[in-house]
Amino acid sequence: MTEADQPAEVLRHYLRAAREALLWKLEGLGERQLRLPRTPTGTSFLGTVLHCANVEIGYFGPTFGRTWPEPDHPAVIPLDTYDTDPQADWVVPAQIPATELVAFYGRVGAFVDDALTELPLDTPGRVPWWPAEGAQTTLHSIAVHVMSDLHRHAGQLDILREQLDGAAGLRPAVTNVPDGVDWPSYVARLTAIAEQFPA
């Protein structure tokens, strides 16, 4: 039986790939670089990982009646916190070192993998923070929903990292960036085309 014959394994694979991409973008950066906001809305490398960790805990925990085993960990943002601070899961407290958040996120990944191993994909769930009329869902739908969210955030970190120090690529083993390209000339070519249009 191939992976394509096992939908839950396909979902696990692409969720893991998204986590690996996110964490790869942190490699080689210090605490300050990881925490500094990089956009006008405050996006940071470490904040993105904290957000994704809490997204996965919420969607693969309470949605399916599963309990996250470390509820008192400082990286866990209680649901009622968002009532007063909707950005709470993007702010990494100074007392949580990057290495601990990365390890924590590894445990979150295992928690998600367990859900996809132990539960059938048609397991019904209810997302507590969605409007009541649309809160009913299935494990399969949530896995796809979360996967798309994680990959979106991985793409954001791709751009932040390239702007920071020029590092680019899809994942460690396959960067997906062609060799031998004269990037300044390529950028100049794109700029010349764009400048043919009014500002």
N, C-alpha and C. Protein backbone atom coordinates (compact mmCIF):
# COMPACT_ATOMS: atom_id res chain seq x y z
N MET A 1 0.85 -1.19 0.00
CA MET A 1 0.00 0.00 0.00
C MET A 1 0.89 1.25 0.00
N THR A 2 0.60 2.17 -0.88
CA THR A 2 1.40 3.39 -0.96
C THR A 2 0.79 4.47 -0.08
N GLU A 3 1.58 5.53 0.14
CA GLU A 3 1.10 6.65 0.94
C GLU A 3 -0.19 7.22 0.35
N ALA A 4 -0.30 7.22 -0.99
CA ALA A 4 -1.49 7.78 -1.63
C ALA A 4 -2.75 7.00 -1.27
N ASP A 5 -2.58 5.75 -0.84
CA ASP A 5 -3.74 4.95 -0.44
C ASP A 5 -4.14 5.21 1.01
N GLN A 6 -3.38 6.02 1.72
CA GLN A 6 -3.63 6.27 3.13
C GLN A 6 -3.80 7.77 3.36
N PRO A 7 -5.01 8.28 3.21
CA PRO A 7 -5.24 9.73 3.30
C PRO A 7 -4.73 10.36 4.59
N ALA A 8 -4.87 9.67 5.72
CA ALA A 8 -4.40 10.26 6.98
C ALA A 8 -2.88 10.46 6.96
N GLU A 9 -2.16 9.53 6.33
CA GLU A 9 -0.71 9.67 6.25
C GLU A 9 -0.32 10.83 5.34
N VAL A 10 -1.08 11.03 4.27
CA VAL A 10 -0.82 12.17 3.39
C VAL A 10 -0.99 13.47 4.17
N LEU A 11 -2.04 13.56 4.96
CA LEU A 11 -2.28 14.76 5.77
C LEU A 11 -1.17 14.96 6.79
N ARG A 12 -0.78 13.89 7.47
CA ARG A 12 0.34 13.99 8.43
C ARG A 12 1.60 14.49 7.74
N HIS A 13 1.87 13.93 6.56
CA HIS A 13 3.08 14.30 5.81
C HIS A 13 3.12 15.80 5.51
N TYR A 14 2.02 16.35 5.00
CA TYR A 14 2.04 17.75 4.60
C TYR A 14 1.95 18.70 5.81
N LEU A 15 1.33 18.25 6.87
CA LEU A 15 1.36 19.06 8.10
C LEU A 15 2.78 19.10 8.66
N ARG A 16 3.45 17.95 8.67
CA ARG A 16 4.85 17.92 9.15
C ARG A 16 5.74 18.80 8.27
N ALA A 17 5.53 18.73 6.96
CA ALA A 17 6.34 19.53 6.04
C ALA A 17 6.18 21.02 6.33
N ALA A 18 4.97 21.43 6.64
CA ALA A 18 4.74 22.85 6.96
C ALA A 18 5.48 23.23 8.24
N ARG A 19 5.41 22.37 9.27
CA ARG A 19 6.12 22.67 10.52
C ARG A 19 7.62 22.74 10.29
N GLU A 20 8.14 21.80 9.51
CA GLU A 20 9.58 21.79 9.22
C GLU A 20 10.00 23.06 8.49
N ALA A 21 9.18 23.51 7.55
CA ALA A 21 9.49 24.74 6.82
C ALA A 21 9.51 25.94 7.76
N LEU A 22 8.52 26.01 8.63
CA LEU A 22 8.46 27.11 9.61
C LEU A 22 9.71 27.14 10.47
N LEU A 23 10.07 25.99 11.01
CA LEU A 23 11.20 25.94 11.94
C LEU A 23 12.53 26.15 11.23
N TRP A 24 12.62 25.72 9.97
CA TRP A 24 13.85 25.94 9.21
C TRP A 24 14.16 27.43 9.08
N LYS A 25 13.12 28.23 8.95
CA LYS A 25 13.33 29.67 8.78
C LYS A 25 13.89 30.34 10.03
N LEU A 26 13.84 29.64 11.16
CA LEU A 26 14.39 30.18 12.41
C LEU A 26 15.88 29.89 12.56
N GLU A 27 16.37 28.89 11.85
CA GLU A 27 17.74 28.41 12.06
C GLU A 27 18.78 29.51 11.84
N GLY A 28 19.72 29.59 12.78
CA GLY A 28 20.82 30.53 12.66
C GLY A 28 20.52 31.94 13.14
N LEU A 29 19.30 32.19 13.61
CA LEU A 29 18.94 33.53 14.07
C LEU A 29 18.96 33.56 15.60
N GLY A 30 19.36 34.70 16.15
CA GLY A 30 19.38 34.88 17.60
C GLY A 30 18.02 35.30 18.14
N GLU A 31 17.92 35.32 19.46
CA GLU A 31 16.65 35.64 20.11
C GLU A 31 16.09 36.99 19.65
N ARG A 32 16.95 37.99 19.56
CA ARG A 32 16.47 39.32 19.15
C ARG A 32 15.93 39.29 17.73
N GLN A 33 16.69 38.67 16.81
CA GLN A 33 16.25 38.60 15.42
C GLN A 33 14.94 37.84 15.28
N LEU A 34 14.78 36.80 16.09
CA LEU A 34 13.57 35.98 16.01
C LEU A 34 12.34 36.70 16.53
N ARG A 35 12.54 37.64 17.46
CA ARG A 35 11.42 38.30 18.13
C ARG A 35 11.05 39.67 17.54
N LEU A 36 11.97 40.30 16.85
CA LEU A 36 11.68 41.63 16.31
C LEU A 36 10.53 41.59 15.32
N PRO A 37 9.57 42.53 15.44
CA PRO A 37 8.50 42.59 14.44
C PRO A 37 9.07 42.99 13.08
N ARG A 38 8.61 42.32 12.04
CA ARG A 38 9.17 42.52 10.70
C ARG A 38 8.18 43.17 9.73
N THR A 39 6.94 43.38 10.18
CA THR A 39 5.92 43.98 9.32
C THR A 39 5.17 45.03 10.13
N PRO A 40 4.41 45.90 9.48
CA PRO A 40 3.62 46.90 10.21
C PRO A 40 2.59 46.29 11.17
N THR A 41 2.20 45.02 10.93
CA THR A 41 1.26 44.36 11.84
C THR A 41 1.97 43.47 12.86
N GLY A 42 3.29 43.59 12.95
CA GLY A 42 4.03 42.94 14.04
C GLY A 42 4.47 41.51 13.82
N THR A 43 4.37 41.00 12.61
CA THR A 43 4.76 39.61 12.37
C THR A 43 6.24 39.39 12.69
N SER A 44 6.51 38.35 13.46
CA SER A 44 7.89 37.97 13.77
C SER A 44 8.05 36.47 13.54
N PHE A 45 9.29 36.03 13.46
CA PHE A 45 9.56 34.60 13.26
C PHE A 45 9.00 33.78 14.42
N LEU A 46 9.38 34.13 15.63
CA LEU A 46 8.99 33.33 16.79
C LEU A 46 7.50 33.46 17.09
N GLY A 47 6.95 34.65 16.89
CA GLY A 47 5.52 34.84 17.10
C GLY A 47 4.69 33.98 16.17
N THR A 48 5.16 33.81 14.94
CA THR A 48 4.45 32.97 13.99
C THR A 48 4.41 31.52 14.46
N VAL A 49 5.53 31.04 15.01
CA VAL A 49 5.57 29.67 15.52
C VAL A 49 4.64 29.51 16.71
N LEU A 50 4.63 30.48 17.62
CA LEU A 50 3.72 30.41 18.77
C LEU A 50 2.27 30.36 18.30
N HIS A 51 1.94 31.21 17.34
CA HIS A 51 0.58 31.23 16.78
C HIS A 51 0.21 29.87 16.20
N CYS A 52 1.10 29.31 15.37
CA CYS A 52 0.81 28.03 14.73
C CYS A 52 0.66 26.91 15.75
N ALA A 53 1.48 26.93 16.79
CA ALA A 53 1.37 25.92 17.84
C ALA A 53 0.00 25.98 18.50
N ASN A 54 -0.46 27.16 18.82
CA ASN A 54 -1.76 27.30 19.48
C ASN A 54 -2.92 26.98 18.54
N VAL A 55 -2.76 27.30 17.27
CA VAL A 55 -3.77 26.92 16.27
C VAL A 55 -3.92 25.40 16.26
N GLU A 56 -2.80 24.69 16.21
CA GLU A 56 -2.87 23.22 16.14
C GLU A 56 -3.42 22.61 17.43
N ILE A 57 -3.02 23.16 18.58
CA ILE A 57 -3.56 22.65 19.84
C ILE A 57 -5.08 22.81 19.86
N GLY A 58 -5.56 23.98 19.47
CA GLY A 58 -6.99 24.25 19.51
C GLY A 58 -7.78 23.39 18.55
N TYR A 59 -7.32 23.31 17.32
CA TYR A 59 -8.08 22.57 16.32
C TYR A 59 -8.05 21.06 16.52
N PHE A 60 -6.93 20.54 17.02
CA PHE A 60 -6.83 19.09 17.19
C PHE A 60 -7.06 18.66 18.64
N GLY A 61 -7.36 19.63 19.52
CA GLY A 61 -7.66 19.34 20.91
C GLY A 61 -9.13 19.49 21.20
N PRO A 62 -9.55 20.65 21.73
CA PRO A 62 -10.95 20.85 22.12
C PRO A 62 -11.97 20.56 21.01
N THR A 63 -11.59 20.80 19.78
CA THR A 63 -12.51 20.55 18.67
C THR A 63 -12.99 19.10 18.64
N PHE A 64 -12.11 18.20 19.09
CA PHE A 64 -12.45 16.77 19.07
C PHE A 64 -12.46 16.16 20.48
N GLY A 65 -12.63 17.02 21.48
CA GLY A 65 -12.71 16.52 22.85
C GLY A 65 -11.41 15.94 23.36
N ARG A 66 -10.29 16.37 22.78
CA ARG A 66 -8.97 15.89 23.21
C ARG A 66 -8.33 16.96 24.10
N THR A 67 -7.60 16.51 25.10
CA THR A 67 -6.97 17.42 26.06
C THR A 67 -5.48 17.54 25.78
N TRP A 68 -5.03 18.76 25.61
CA TRP A 68 -3.59 19.01 25.46
C TRP A 68 -2.92 18.69 26.80
N PRO A 69 -1.86 17.88 26.80
CA PRO A 69 -1.29 17.39 28.07
C PRO A 69 -0.49 18.41 28.88
N GLU A 70 -0.22 19.59 28.33
CA GLU A 70 0.56 20.59 29.06
C GLU A 70 -0.21 21.91 29.16
N PRO A 71 -1.38 21.90 29.78
CA PRO A 71 -2.21 23.12 29.78
C PRO A 71 -1.57 24.30 30.49
N ASP A 72 -0.64 24.06 31.40
CA ASP A 72 -0.02 25.15 32.16
C ASP A 72 1.28 25.65 31.54
N HIS A 73 1.68 25.10 30.41
CA HIS A 73 2.89 25.57 29.74
C HIS A 73 2.68 27.04 29.35
N PRO A 74 3.69 27.90 29.56
CA PRO A 74 3.51 29.33 29.25
C PRO A 74 3.27 29.64 27.78
N ALA A 75 3.50 28.68 26.89
CA ALA A 75 3.24 28.91 25.47
C ALA A 75 1.79 28.63 25.10
N VAL A 76 1.02 28.07 26.02
CA VAL A 76 -0.39 27.78 25.75
C VAL A 76 -1.22 29.01 26.09
N ILE A 77 -1.97 29.49 25.11
CA ILE A 77 -2.81 30.67 25.31
C ILE A 77 -4.25 30.19 25.53
N PRO A 78 -4.80 30.39 26.74
CA PRO A 78 -6.19 29.98 26.99
C PRO A 78 -7.16 30.70 26.05
N LEU A 79 -8.20 30.00 25.64
CA LEU A 79 -9.15 30.56 24.67
C LEU A 79 -9.76 31.88 25.13
N ASP A 80 -10.04 32.01 26.43
CA ASP A 80 -10.69 33.25 26.88
C ASP A 80 -9.77 34.46 26.82
N THR A 81 -8.46 34.23 26.66
CA THR A 81 -7.51 35.34 26.55
C THR A 81 -7.79 36.18 25.31
N TYR A 82 -8.26 35.53 24.25
CA TYR A 82 -8.48 36.25 22.99
C TYR A 82 -9.61 37.26 23.08
N ASP A 83 -10.46 37.13 24.09
CA ASP A 83 -11.55 38.10 24.26
C ASP A 83 -11.01 39.50 24.54
N THR A 84 -9.89 39.57 25.23
CA THR A 84 -9.30 40.88 25.55
C THR A 84 -8.03 41.17 24.76
N ASP A 85 -7.38 40.13 24.23
CA ASP A 85 -6.15 40.32 23.46
C ASP A 85 -6.14 39.38 22.26
N PRO A 86 -6.72 39.82 21.14
CA PRO A 86 -6.81 38.93 19.97
C PRO A 86 -5.46 38.56 19.37
N GLN A 87 -4.40 39.26 19.76
CA GLN A 87 -3.06 38.95 19.25
C GLN A 87 -2.21 38.18 20.26
N ALA A 88 -2.83 37.65 21.30
CA ALA A 88 -2.09 37.02 22.39
C ALA A 88 -1.16 35.91 21.94
N ASP A 89 -1.56 35.14 20.94
CA ASP A 89 -0.74 34.00 20.54
C ASP A 89 0.37 34.38 19.55
N TRP A 90 0.59 35.65 19.35
CA TRP A 90 1.71 36.11 18.52
C TRP A 90 2.82 36.74 19.37
N VAL A 91 2.60 36.83 20.68
CA VAL A 91 3.55 37.49 21.58
C VAL A 91 4.26 36.44 22.42
N VAL A 92 5.54 36.21 22.13
CA VAL A 92 6.31 35.21 22.87
C VAL A 92 6.94 35.87 24.08
N PRO A 93 6.54 35.47 25.29
CA PRO A 93 7.12 36.07 26.50
C PRO A 93 8.64 35.88 26.54
N ALA A 94 9.32 36.85 27.10
CA ALA A 94 10.78 36.80 27.17
C ALA A 94 11.28 35.57 27.91
N GLN A 95 10.47 35.04 28.84
CA GLN A 95 10.94 33.89 29.62
C GLN A 95 10.86 32.56 28.86
N ILE A 96 10.31 32.58 27.65
CA ILE A 96 10.30 31.36 26.83
C ILE A 96 11.41 31.48 25.79
N PRO A 97 12.53 30.78 25.97
CA PRO A 97 13.59 30.84 24.97
C PRO A 97 13.14 30.19 23.65
N ALA A 98 13.76 30.61 22.58
CA ALA A 98 13.40 30.06 21.26
C ALA A 98 13.56 28.55 21.24
N THR A 99 14.60 28.03 21.87
CA THR A 99 14.81 26.58 21.86
C THR A 99 13.66 25.85 22.53
N GLU A 100 13.11 26.43 23.59
CA GLU A 100 11.97 25.79 24.27
C GLU A 100 10.71 25.85 23.41
N LEU A 101 10.50 26.97 22.72
CA LEU A 101 9.32 27.06 21.87
C LEU A 101 9.42 26.06 20.72
N VAL A 102 10.61 25.89 20.17
CA VAL A 102 10.80 24.91 19.09
C VAL A 102 10.51 23.50 19.61
N ALA A 103 11.02 23.18 20.81
CA ALA A 103 10.76 21.86 21.39
C ALA A 103 9.27 21.67 21.67
N PHE A 104 8.64 22.73 22.18
CA PHE A 104 7.20 22.70 22.45
C PHE A 104 6.43 22.42 21.16
N TYR A 105 6.81 23.09 20.09
CA TYR A 105 6.12 22.89 18.82
C TYR A 105 6.30 21.46 18.31
N GLY A 106 7.45 20.86 18.61
CA GLY A 106 7.65 19.46 18.27
C GLY A 106 6.64 18.56 18.98
N ARG A 107 6.37 18.88 20.24
CA ARG A 107 5.38 18.09 20.99
C ARG A 107 3.97 18.33 20.45
N VAL A 108 3.71 19.54 20.00
CA VAL A 108 2.42 19.83 19.36
C VAL A 108 2.26 18.97 18.11
N GLY A 109 3.32 18.87 17.33
CA GLY A 109 3.26 18.03 16.13
C GLY A 109 2.93 16.59 16.45
N ALA A 110 3.52 16.07 17.52
CA ALA A 110 3.22 14.70 17.93
C ALA A 110 1.77 14.56 18.36
N PHE A 111 1.23 15.58 19.02
CA PHE A 111 -0.18 15.59 19.45
C PHE A 111 -1.10 15.52 18.24
N VAL A 112 -0.76 16.26 17.20
CA VAL A 112 -1.56 16.26 15.97
C VAL A 112 -1.42 14.91 15.26
N ASP A 113 -0.20 14.40 15.18
CA ASP A 113 0.01 13.09 14.55
C ASP A 113 -0.82 12.02 15.24
N ASP A 114 -0.87 12.08 16.58
CA ASP A 114 -1.66 11.09 17.33
C ASP A 114 -3.14 11.17 16.97
N ALA A 115 -3.66 12.39 16.80
CA ALA A 115 -5.07 12.54 16.41
C ALA A 115 -5.33 11.87 15.07
N LEU A 116 -4.41 12.07 14.13
CA LEU A 116 -4.60 11.52 12.79
C LEU A 116 -4.32 10.02 12.74
N THR A 117 -3.68 9.49 13.76
CA THR A 117 -3.44 8.05 13.86
C THR A 117 -4.59 7.35 14.57
N GLU A 118 -5.09 8.00 15.63
CA GLU A 118 -6.07 7.35 16.50
C GLU A 118 -7.51 7.53 16.06
N LEU A 119 -7.81 8.61 15.35
CA LEU A 119 -9.20 8.92 15.01
C LEU A 119 -9.45 8.74 13.52
N PRO A 120 -10.61 8.22 13.13
CA PRO A 120 -10.97 8.18 11.71
C PRO A 120 -11.13 9.60 11.15
N LEU A 121 -10.88 9.76 9.88
CA LEU A 121 -10.96 11.09 9.29
C LEU A 121 -12.37 11.67 9.30
N ASP A 122 -13.38 10.80 9.40
CA ASP A 122 -14.75 11.32 9.46
C ASP A 122 -15.22 11.58 10.89
N THR A 123 -14.29 11.58 11.86
CA THR A 123 -14.64 11.89 13.25
C THR A 123 -15.27 13.27 13.31
N PRO A 124 -16.47 13.39 13.89
CA PRO A 124 -17.08 14.71 13.99
C PRO A 124 -16.45 15.56 15.08
N GLY A 125 -16.44 16.84 14.86
CA GLY A 125 -15.91 17.78 15.85
C GLY A 125 -16.69 19.07 15.80
N ARG A 126 -16.41 19.91 16.78
CA ARG A 126 -17.05 21.23 16.84
C ARG A 126 -16.00 22.25 17.25
N VAL A 127 -15.80 23.27 16.41
CA VAL A 127 -14.81 24.30 16.69
C VAL A 127 -15.43 25.33 17.62
N PRO A 128 -14.95 25.43 18.88
CA PRO A 128 -15.59 26.28 19.88
C PRO A 128 -15.66 27.76 19.51
N TRP A 129 -14.71 28.24 18.74
CA TRP A 129 -14.66 29.69 18.45
C TRP A 129 -15.27 30.05 17.10
N TRP A 130 -15.79 29.08 16.36
CA TRP A 130 -16.48 29.38 15.12
C TRP A 130 -17.95 29.69 15.41
N PRO A 131 -18.62 30.46 14.55
CA PRO A 131 -20.06 30.69 14.75
C PRO A 131 -20.81 29.36 14.80
N ALA A 132 -21.82 29.30 15.66
CA ALA A 132 -22.53 28.04 15.93
C ALA A 132 -23.03 27.37 14.65
N GLU A 133 -23.51 28.17 13.69
CA GLU A 133 -24.10 27.58 12.49
C GLU A 133 -23.06 26.88 11.60
N GLY A 134 -21.78 27.19 11.79
CA GLY A 134 -20.74 26.55 10.98
C GLY A 134 -19.70 25.82 11.78
N ALA A 135 -19.96 25.58 13.06
CA ALA A 135 -18.94 25.03 13.96
C ALA A 135 -18.75 23.53 13.82
N GLN A 136 -19.73 22.82 13.26
CA GLN A 136 -19.61 21.37 13.12
C GLN A 136 -18.66 21.05 11.96
N THR A 137 -17.79 20.07 12.17
CA THR A 137 -16.78 19.76 11.17
C THR A 137 -16.35 18.31 11.31
N THR A 138 -15.30 17.93 10.58
CA THR A 138 -14.73 16.59 10.70
C THR A 138 -13.21 16.73 10.84
N LEU A 139 -12.58 15.66 11.26
CA LEU A 139 -11.12 15.67 11.38
C LEU A 139 -10.46 15.93 10.04
N HIS A 140 -11.00 15.34 8.99
CA HIS A 140 -10.44 15.54 7.66
C HIS A 140 -10.47 17.02 7.27
N SER A 141 -11.62 17.66 7.47
CA SER A 141 -11.75 19.08 7.11
C SER A 141 -10.79 19.94 7.93
N ILE A 142 -10.67 19.63 9.21
CA ILE A 142 -9.78 20.43 10.06
C ILE A 142 -8.33 20.24 9.66
N ALA A 143 -7.95 19.02 9.31
CA ALA A 143 -6.56 18.78 8.89
C ALA A 143 -6.22 19.60 7.65
N VAL A 144 -7.13 19.66 6.69
CA VAL A 144 -6.90 20.45 5.48
C VAL A 144 -6.88 21.93 5.82
N HIS A 145 -7.81 22.37 6.66
CA HIS A 145 -7.89 23.77 7.07
C HIS A 145 -6.58 24.20 7.74
N VAL A 146 -6.11 23.42 8.69
CA VAL A 146 -4.88 23.77 9.42
C VAL A 146 -3.67 23.70 8.50
N MET A 147 -3.63 22.69 7.64
CA MET A 147 -2.50 22.57 6.72
C MET A 147 -2.37 23.81 5.85
N SER A 148 -3.49 24.30 5.32
CA SER A 148 -3.43 25.49 4.47
C SER A 148 -2.96 26.70 5.27
N ASP A 149 -3.37 26.78 6.53
CA ASP A 149 -2.95 27.89 7.39
C ASP A 149 -1.46 27.84 7.67
N LEU A 150 -0.95 26.65 8.00
CA LEU A 150 0.48 26.52 8.30
C LEU A 150 1.33 26.85 7.08
N HIS A 151 0.93 26.36 5.92
CA HIS A 151 1.72 26.65 4.72
C HIS A 151 1.68 28.13 4.37
N ARG A 152 0.56 28.78 4.63
CA ARG A 152 0.47 30.23 4.42
C ARG A 152 1.49 30.94 5.30
N HIS A 153 1.56 30.55 6.57
CA HIS A 153 2.51 31.18 7.49
C HIS A 153 3.95 30.84 7.13
N ALA A 154 4.18 29.63 6.65
CA ALA A 154 5.54 29.27 6.21
C ALA A 154 5.96 30.17 5.05
N GLY A 155 5.03 30.48 4.16
CA GLY A 155 5.34 31.39 3.06
C GLY A 155 5.68 32.79 3.55
N GLN A 156 4.97 33.23 4.60
CA GLN A 156 5.29 34.54 5.17
C GLN A 156 6.72 34.55 5.71
N LEU A 157 7.10 33.48 6.40
CA LEU A 157 8.46 33.43 6.95
C LEU A 157 9.51 33.29 5.85
N ASP A 158 9.15 32.65 4.73
CA ASP A 158 10.06 32.62 3.57
C ASP A 158 10.46 34.04 3.19
N ILE A 159 9.47 34.89 3.06
CA ILE A 159 9.73 36.26 2.62
C ILE A 159 10.48 37.05 3.68
N LEU A 160 10.07 36.90 4.95
CA LEU A 160 10.77 37.62 6.02
C LEU A 160 12.24 37.23 6.06
N ARG A 161 12.52 35.94 5.94
CA ARG A 161 13.91 35.50 6.02
C ARG A 161 14.73 35.98 4.84
N GLU A 162 14.14 35.95 3.65
CA GLU A 162 14.87 36.43 2.48
C GLU A 162 15.18 37.92 2.61
N GLN A 163 14.22 38.68 3.13
CA GLN A 163 14.46 40.11 3.32
C GLN A 163 15.50 40.37 4.40
N LEU A 164 15.55 39.49 5.39
CA LEU A 164 16.50 39.68 6.50
C LEU A 164 17.94 39.43 6.08
N ASP A 165 18.19 38.26 5.49
CA ASP A 165 19.59 37.91 5.20
C ASP A 165 19.79 37.21 3.86
N GLY A 166 18.76 37.22 3.02
CA GLY A 166 18.91 36.62 1.69
C GLY A 166 18.68 35.13 1.63
N ALA A 167 18.49 34.48 2.78
CA ALA A 167 18.27 33.03 2.79
C ALA A 167 16.90 32.73 2.18
N ALA A 168 16.87 31.79 1.25
CA ALA A 168 15.62 31.46 0.56
C ALA A 168 15.56 29.96 0.32
N GLY A 169 14.36 29.45 0.19
CA GLY A 169 14.21 28.03 -0.14
C GLY A 169 12.99 27.42 0.48
N LEU A 170 12.60 26.27 -0.07
CA LEU A 170 11.40 25.57 0.36
C LEU A 170 11.62 24.77 1.64
N ARG A 171 12.68 23.95 1.65
CA ARG A 171 13.02 23.15 2.82
C ARG A 171 14.49 22.75 2.72
N PRO A 172 15.09 22.25 3.79
CA PRO A 172 16.53 21.99 3.76
C PRO A 172 16.99 21.09 2.62
N ALA A 173 16.27 20.00 2.36
CA ALA A 173 16.73 19.05 1.35
C ALA A 173 16.44 19.51 -0.08
N VAL A 174 15.42 20.33 -0.24
CA VAL A 174 15.02 20.80 -1.58
C VAL A 174 14.72 22.29 -1.48
N THR A 175 15.68 23.12 -1.86
CA THR A 175 15.46 24.56 -1.71
C THR A 175 14.45 25.09 -2.72
N ASN A 176 14.34 24.43 -3.89
CA ASN A 176 13.42 24.87 -4.93
C ASN A 176 13.86 26.21 -5.54
N VAL A 177 15.10 26.60 -5.29
CA VAL A 177 15.67 27.81 -5.86
C VAL A 177 16.71 27.39 -6.89
N PRO A 178 16.54 27.76 -8.16
CA PRO A 178 17.48 27.29 -9.19
C PRO A 178 18.88 27.85 -8.99
N ASP A 179 19.87 27.03 -9.31
CA ASP A 179 21.28 27.45 -9.24
C ASP A 179 21.63 28.29 -10.47
N GLY A 180 22.66 29.12 -10.31
CA GLY A 180 23.22 29.83 -11.44
C GLY A 180 22.43 31.02 -11.94
N VAL A 181 21.44 31.46 -11.20
CA VAL A 181 20.66 32.63 -11.64
C VAL A 181 21.37 33.90 -11.19
N ASP A 182 21.50 34.85 -12.08
CA ASP A 182 22.04 36.17 -11.73
C ASP A 182 20.87 36.98 -11.17
N TRP A 183 20.69 36.90 -9.85
CA TRP A 183 19.51 37.49 -9.22
C TRP A 183 19.41 39.00 -9.41
N PRO A 184 20.50 39.76 -9.29
CA PRO A 184 20.36 41.21 -9.55
C PRO A 184 19.86 41.51 -10.97
N SER A 185 20.35 40.76 -11.95
CA SER A 185 19.89 40.98 -13.32
C SER A 185 18.43 40.58 -13.47
N TYR A 186 18.06 39.49 -12.82
CA TYR A 186 16.67 39.02 -12.88
C TYR A 186 15.74 40.06 -12.27
N VAL A 187 16.12 40.60 -11.11
CA VAL A 187 15.30 41.62 -10.45
C VAL A 187 15.23 42.88 -11.32
N ALA A 188 16.35 43.24 -11.94
CA ALA A 188 16.37 44.41 -12.82
C ALA A 188 15.42 44.21 -14.01
N ARG A 189 15.39 43.01 -14.53
CA ARG A 189 14.50 42.70 -15.64
C ARG A 189 13.03 42.86 -15.23
N LEU A 190 12.68 42.34 -14.06
CA LEU A 190 11.31 42.48 -13.57
C LEU A 190 10.96 43.94 -13.30
N THR A 191 11.92 44.66 -12.76
CA THR A 191 11.70 46.08 -12.46
C THR A 191 11.46 46.87 -13.75
N ALA A 192 12.24 46.56 -14.78
CA ALA A 192 12.10 47.27 -16.06
C ALA A 192 10.71 47.05 -16.66
N ILE A 193 10.19 45.84 -16.52
CA ILE A 193 8.83 45.56 -17.04
C ILE A 193 7.81 46.36 -16.22
N ALA A 194 7.94 46.31 -14.88
CA ALA A 194 6.99 47.01 -14.02
C ALA A 194 6.98 48.50 -14.27
N GLU A 195 8.16 49.07 -14.55
CA GLU A 195 8.27 50.53 -14.71
C GLU A 195 7.69 51.01 -16.04
N GLN A 196 7.25 50.11 -16.88
CA GLN A 196 6.56 50.52 -18.09
C GLN A 196 5.13 50.98 -17.82
N PHE A 197 4.67 50.76 -16.57
CA PHE A 197 3.32 51.10 -16.19
C PHE A 197 3.32 52.30 -15.25
N PRO A 198 2.23 53.08 -15.22
CA PRO A 198 2.19 54.28 -14.37
C PRO A 198 2.32 53.90 -12.89
N ALA A 199 2.91 54.80 -12.12
CA ALA A 199 3.08 54.57 -10.69
C ALA A 199 1.71 54.63 -10.01
